Amino acid sequence: MKRIVIVLALAALSQASFAAGDIKAGRAKASACAACHGIDGISKLPEAPNLAGQTEEYLVKALNDFRSGERKNEMMSMMAKTLSDADVANLAAYYHSLGKQ
């Protein structure tokens, strides 16, 4: 019983920590991302991944990992460190809204 309570508490906390983003604000912020990831989230560069249609959870984790240094890429770390938590959520919402292309 104790384990069930702990699991449920952790699940509730993980859901609470993920804030929904604003697609319009994400679109405005994404102009800085377009040079590498494409205006529509489809990259023209082989070294930059497509972002269109990725899950919000994945994008938030990836950006936060670049911000913390857990994920390594000099350019992305530099760019991600300029983002607020709201920026991260907004960008994730925007790129997710584009759908898989």
N, C-alpha and C. Protein backbone atom coordinates (compact mmCIF):
# COMPACT_ATOMS: atom_id res chain seq x y z
N MET A 1 0.83 -1.19 0.00
CA MET A 1 0.00 0.00 0.00
C MET A 1 0.87 1.26 0.00
N LYS A 2 1.92 1.21 0.80
CA LYS A 2 2.82 2.36 0.90
C LYS A 2 3.47 2.65 -0.46
N ARG A 3 3.82 1.60 -1.19
CA ARG A 3 4.44 1.77 -2.50
C ARG A 3 3.47 2.41 -3.49
N ILE A 4 2.22 2.03 -3.42
CA ILE A 4 1.22 2.61 -4.31
C ILE A 4 1.09 4.10 -4.08
N VAL A 5 1.07 4.50 -2.82
CA VAL A 5 0.96 5.92 -2.48
C VAL A 5 2.17 6.68 -3.02
N ILE A 6 3.34 6.12 -2.88
CA ILE A 6 4.56 6.77 -3.37
C ILE A 6 4.52 6.91 -4.89
N VAL A 7 4.13 5.85 -5.57
CA VAL A 7 4.05 5.88 -7.03
C VAL A 7 3.04 6.93 -7.49
N LEU A 8 1.88 6.96 -6.86
CA LEU A 8 0.86 7.95 -7.23
C LEU A 8 1.34 9.37 -6.96
N ALA A 9 2.04 9.58 -5.85
CA ALA A 9 2.56 10.91 -5.54
C ALA A 9 3.59 11.35 -6.57
N LEU A 10 4.47 10.45 -6.95
CA LEU A 10 5.48 10.78 -7.97
C LEU A 10 4.83 11.07 -9.31
N ALA A 11 3.81 10.31 -9.66
CA ALA A 11 3.11 10.56 -10.93
C ALA A 11 2.44 11.92 -10.92
N ALA A 12 1.84 12.28 -9.81
CA ALA A 12 1.19 13.59 -9.71
C ALA A 12 2.22 14.71 -9.81
N LEU A 13 3.35 14.55 -9.17
CA LEU A 13 4.39 15.58 -9.23
C LEU A 13 4.94 15.73 -10.64
N SER A 14 5.14 14.63 -11.34
CA SER A 14 5.69 14.73 -12.69
C SER A 14 4.72 15.42 -13.62
N GLN A 15 3.43 15.21 -13.46
CA GLN A 15 2.44 15.89 -14.27
C GLN A 15 2.38 17.37 -13.93
N ALA A 16 2.50 17.70 -12.66
CA ALA A 16 2.42 19.10 -12.24
C ALA A 16 3.61 19.91 -12.73
N SER A 17 4.75 19.25 -12.92
CA SER A 17 5.95 19.99 -13.32
C SER A 17 5.96 20.32 -14.81
N PHE A 18 5.04 19.74 -15.58
CA PHE A 18 5.00 20.00 -17.00
C PHE A 18 3.91 21.03 -17.27
N ALA A 19 4.32 22.23 -17.62
CA ALA A 19 3.36 23.31 -17.88
C ALA A 19 3.05 23.39 -19.37
N ALA A 20 1.79 23.61 -19.67
CA ALA A 20 1.39 23.75 -21.07
C ALA A 20 1.94 25.05 -21.63
N GLY A 21 2.40 25.00 -22.86
CA GLY A 21 2.98 26.18 -23.49
C GLY A 21 1.99 26.93 -24.35
N ASP A 22 2.38 28.12 -24.75
CA ASP A 22 1.59 29.00 -25.60
C ASP A 22 2.15 28.91 -27.02
N ILE A 23 1.34 28.40 -27.94
CA ILE A 23 1.79 28.17 -29.31
C ILE A 23 2.20 29.47 -30.00
N LYS A 24 1.42 30.52 -29.83
CA LYS A 24 1.76 31.80 -30.49
C LYS A 24 3.09 32.35 -29.98
N ALA A 25 3.29 32.30 -28.68
CA ALA A 25 4.55 32.78 -28.11
C ALA A 25 5.71 31.90 -28.59
N GLY A 26 5.47 30.60 -28.70
CA GLY A 26 6.49 29.69 -29.20
C GLY A 26 6.86 29.98 -30.64
N ARG A 27 5.85 30.30 -31.46
CA ARG A 27 6.10 30.63 -32.87
C ARG A 27 7.00 31.87 -32.96
N ALA A 28 6.72 32.87 -32.13
CA ALA A 28 7.53 34.09 -32.14
C ALA A 28 8.97 33.80 -31.71
N LYS A 29 9.13 32.96 -30.70
CA LYS A 29 10.46 32.64 -30.18
C LYS A 29 11.24 31.74 -31.16
N ALA A 30 10.53 30.96 -31.96
CA ALA A 30 11.16 29.98 -32.85
C ALA A 30 11.94 30.61 -33.99
N SER A 31 11.80 31.90 -34.21
CA SER A 31 12.56 32.54 -35.30
C SER A 31 14.06 32.34 -35.11
N ALA A 32 14.51 32.29 -33.87
CA ALA A 32 15.93 32.07 -33.60
C ALA A 32 16.34 30.62 -33.90
N CYS A 33 15.39 29.71 -33.91
CA CYS A 33 15.67 28.29 -34.14
C CYS A 33 15.66 27.93 -35.62
N ALA A 34 14.99 28.77 -36.42
CA ALA A 34 14.72 28.45 -37.82
C ALA A 34 15.98 28.30 -38.67
N ALA A 35 17.05 28.99 -38.34
CA ALA A 35 18.27 28.90 -39.14
C ALA A 35 18.79 27.46 -39.22
N CYS A 36 18.64 26.72 -38.15
CA CYS A 36 19.12 25.33 -38.14
C CYS A 36 17.99 24.31 -38.29
N HIS A 37 16.85 24.58 -37.66
CA HIS A 37 15.76 23.60 -37.61
C HIS A 37 14.66 23.87 -38.63
N GLY A 38 14.82 24.90 -39.45
CA GLY A 38 13.84 25.21 -40.49
C GLY A 38 12.66 26.01 -39.96
N ILE A 39 12.10 26.85 -40.80
CA ILE A 39 10.98 27.70 -40.42
C ILE A 39 9.75 26.86 -40.05
N ASP A 40 9.64 25.68 -40.67
CA ASP A 40 8.50 24.80 -40.42
C ASP A 40 8.86 23.62 -39.53
N GLY A 41 10.04 23.70 -38.87
CA GLY A 41 10.48 22.62 -38.00
C GLY A 41 11.11 21.45 -38.73
N ILE A 42 11.30 21.60 -40.04
CA ILE A 42 11.95 20.58 -40.86
C ILE A 42 13.31 21.13 -41.27
N SER A 43 14.35 20.51 -40.74
CA SER A 43 15.71 20.99 -40.95
C SER A 43 16.21 20.72 -42.36
N LYS A 44 16.96 21.66 -42.87
CA LYS A 44 17.64 21.47 -44.15
C LYS A 44 19.09 21.03 -43.92
N LEU A 45 19.51 21.01 -42.67
CA LEU A 45 20.88 20.64 -42.31
C LEU A 45 20.91 19.22 -41.75
N PRO A 46 21.83 18.40 -42.22
CA PRO A 46 21.87 17.01 -41.74
C PRO A 46 22.18 16.88 -40.24
N GLU A 47 22.88 17.86 -39.69
CA GLU A 47 23.26 17.77 -38.27
C GLU A 47 22.19 18.31 -37.31
N ALA A 48 21.15 18.92 -37.84
CA ALA A 48 20.08 19.47 -36.99
C ALA A 48 18.81 18.65 -37.17
N PRO A 49 18.24 18.15 -36.08
CA PRO A 49 17.05 17.30 -36.21
C PRO A 49 15.80 18.08 -36.56
N ASN A 50 14.84 17.39 -37.14
CA ASN A 50 13.51 17.95 -37.36
C ASN A 50 12.81 18.06 -36.00
N LEU A 51 12.11 19.15 -35.78
CA LEU A 51 11.40 19.35 -34.52
C LEU A 51 9.89 19.25 -34.69
N ALA A 52 9.40 19.42 -35.90
CA ALA A 52 7.96 19.39 -36.16
C ALA A 52 7.36 18.07 -35.70
N GLY A 53 6.31 18.16 -34.89
CA GLY A 53 5.58 16.98 -34.47
C GLY A 53 6.17 16.21 -33.31
N GLN A 54 7.33 16.61 -32.83
CA GLN A 54 7.89 15.94 -31.65
C GLN A 54 6.96 16.17 -30.46
N THR A 55 6.98 15.26 -29.50
CA THR A 55 6.13 15.45 -28.33
C THR A 55 6.65 16.61 -27.50
N GLU A 56 5.73 17.27 -26.82
CA GLU A 56 6.13 18.38 -25.96
C GLU A 56 7.06 17.89 -24.86
N GLU A 57 6.77 16.73 -24.29
CA GLU A 57 7.60 16.18 -23.22
C GLU A 57 9.04 15.99 -23.68
N TYR A 58 9.21 15.42 -24.88
CA TYR A 58 10.55 15.20 -25.41
C TYR A 58 11.29 16.52 -25.61
N LEU A 59 10.62 17.50 -26.22
CA LEU A 59 11.26 18.78 -26.50
C LEU A 59 11.64 19.52 -25.22
N VAL A 60 10.76 19.48 -24.22
CA VAL A 60 11.07 20.12 -22.94
C VAL A 60 12.28 19.45 -22.31
N LYS A 61 12.29 18.12 -22.30
CA LYS A 61 13.43 17.40 -21.70
C LYS A 61 14.72 17.71 -22.45
N ALA A 62 14.67 17.68 -23.78
CA ALA A 62 15.87 17.94 -24.57
C ALA A 62 16.41 19.34 -24.29
N LEU A 63 15.55 20.35 -24.32
CA LEU A 63 16.01 21.72 -24.07
C LEU A 63 16.53 21.88 -22.65
N ASN A 64 15.85 21.28 -21.68
CA ASN A 64 16.33 21.38 -20.30
C ASN A 64 17.65 20.65 -20.12
N ASP A 65 17.84 19.54 -20.83
CA ASP A 65 19.12 18.82 -20.76
C ASP A 65 20.24 19.65 -21.38
N PHE A 66 19.96 20.37 -22.46
CA PHE A 66 20.97 21.27 -23.02
C PHE A 66 21.26 22.41 -22.05
N ARG A 67 20.23 22.93 -21.40
CA ARG A 67 20.41 24.03 -20.45
C ARG A 67 21.28 23.60 -19.27
N SER A 68 21.08 22.38 -18.79
CA SER A 68 21.81 21.91 -17.61
C SER A 68 23.19 21.37 -17.95
N GLY A 69 23.43 21.09 -19.23
CA GLY A 69 24.71 20.51 -19.63
C GLY A 69 24.69 18.99 -19.65
N GLU A 70 23.55 18.38 -19.28
CA GLU A 70 23.44 16.92 -19.31
C GLU A 70 23.54 16.40 -20.74
N ARG A 71 23.02 17.17 -21.67
CA ARG A 71 23.12 16.83 -23.09
C ARG A 71 24.13 17.80 -23.71
N LYS A 72 25.04 17.28 -24.50
CA LYS A 72 26.16 18.08 -25.00
C LYS A 72 26.01 18.46 -26.47
N ASN A 73 26.03 19.74 -26.72
CA ASN A 73 26.13 20.32 -28.06
C ASN A 73 26.39 21.80 -27.83
N GLU A 74 27.54 22.27 -28.27
CA GLU A 74 27.95 23.63 -27.95
C GLU A 74 26.92 24.68 -28.37
N MET A 75 26.43 24.60 -29.61
CA MET A 75 25.47 25.59 -30.10
C MET A 75 24.15 25.49 -29.34
N MET A 76 23.63 24.27 -29.19
CA MET A 76 22.34 24.12 -28.52
C MET A 76 22.43 24.51 -27.04
N SER A 77 23.53 24.20 -26.40
CA SER A 77 23.68 24.59 -25.00
C SER A 77 23.67 26.10 -24.87
N MET A 78 24.38 26.77 -25.76
CA MET A 78 24.43 28.23 -25.74
C MET A 78 23.04 28.82 -25.98
N MET A 79 22.32 28.29 -26.96
CA MET A 79 20.98 28.80 -27.27
C MET A 79 20.00 28.50 -26.13
N ALA A 80 20.03 27.28 -25.63
CA ALA A 80 19.07 26.86 -24.60
C ALA A 80 19.24 27.62 -23.30
N LYS A 81 20.47 27.99 -22.98
CA LYS A 81 20.71 28.72 -21.72
C LYS A 81 20.07 30.10 -21.71
N THR A 82 19.70 30.62 -22.87
CA THR A 82 19.05 31.93 -22.93
C THR A 82 17.54 31.82 -22.73
N LEU A 83 17.02 30.59 -22.68
CA LEU A 83 15.57 30.38 -22.60
C LEU A 83 15.08 30.30 -21.16
N SER A 84 13.93 30.89 -20.93
CA SER A 84 13.26 30.74 -19.63
C SER A 84 12.45 29.44 -19.66
N ASP A 85 11.93 29.03 -18.50
CA ASP A 85 11.07 27.85 -18.46
C ASP A 85 9.85 28.05 -19.36
N ALA A 86 9.29 29.26 -19.36
CA ALA A 86 8.13 29.56 -20.21
C ALA A 86 8.51 29.46 -21.68
N ASP A 87 9.70 29.95 -22.05
CA ASP A 87 10.16 29.85 -23.44
C ASP A 87 10.24 28.39 -23.87
N VAL A 88 10.79 27.55 -23.01
CA VAL A 88 10.93 26.12 -23.31
C VAL A 88 9.55 25.51 -23.55
N ALA A 89 8.61 25.77 -22.65
CA ALA A 89 7.25 25.23 -22.80
C ALA A 89 6.59 25.75 -24.07
N ASN A 90 6.78 27.03 -24.36
CA ASN A 90 6.17 27.63 -25.55
C ASN A 90 6.75 27.05 -26.84
N LEU A 91 8.06 26.90 -26.89
CA LEU A 91 8.69 26.31 -28.07
C LEU A 91 8.23 24.87 -28.27
N ALA A 92 8.15 24.12 -27.18
CA ALA A 92 7.69 22.73 -27.27
C ALA A 92 6.26 22.66 -27.79
N ALA A 93 5.40 23.54 -27.30
CA ALA A 93 4.01 23.56 -27.77
C ALA A 93 3.94 23.90 -29.25
N TYR A 94 4.73 24.88 -29.66
CA TYR A 94 4.73 25.30 -31.07
C TYR A 94 5.19 24.17 -31.99
N TYR A 95 6.36 23.60 -31.71
CA TYR A 95 6.87 22.57 -32.61
C TYR A 95 5.98 21.33 -32.60
N HIS A 96 5.40 20.99 -31.47
CA HIS A 96 4.47 19.87 -31.42
C HIS A 96 3.24 20.15 -32.29
N SER A 97 2.78 21.40 -32.27
CA SER A 97 1.56 21.76 -33.02
C SER A 97 1.74 21.64 -34.53
N LEU A 98 2.98 21.64 -34.99
CA LEU A 98 3.23 21.53 -36.43
C LEU A 98 2.93 20.14 -36.97
N GLY A 99 2.89 19.16 -36.10
CA GLY A 99 2.61 17.79 -36.52
C GLY A 99 3.75 17.19 -37.30
N LYS A 100 3.72 15.87 -37.40
CA LYS A 100 4.74 15.17 -38.20
C LYS A 100 4.57 15.54 -39.66
N GLN A 101 5.68 15.85 -40.30
CA GLN A 101 5.61 16.24 -41.71
C GLN A 101 6.46 15.34 -42.57
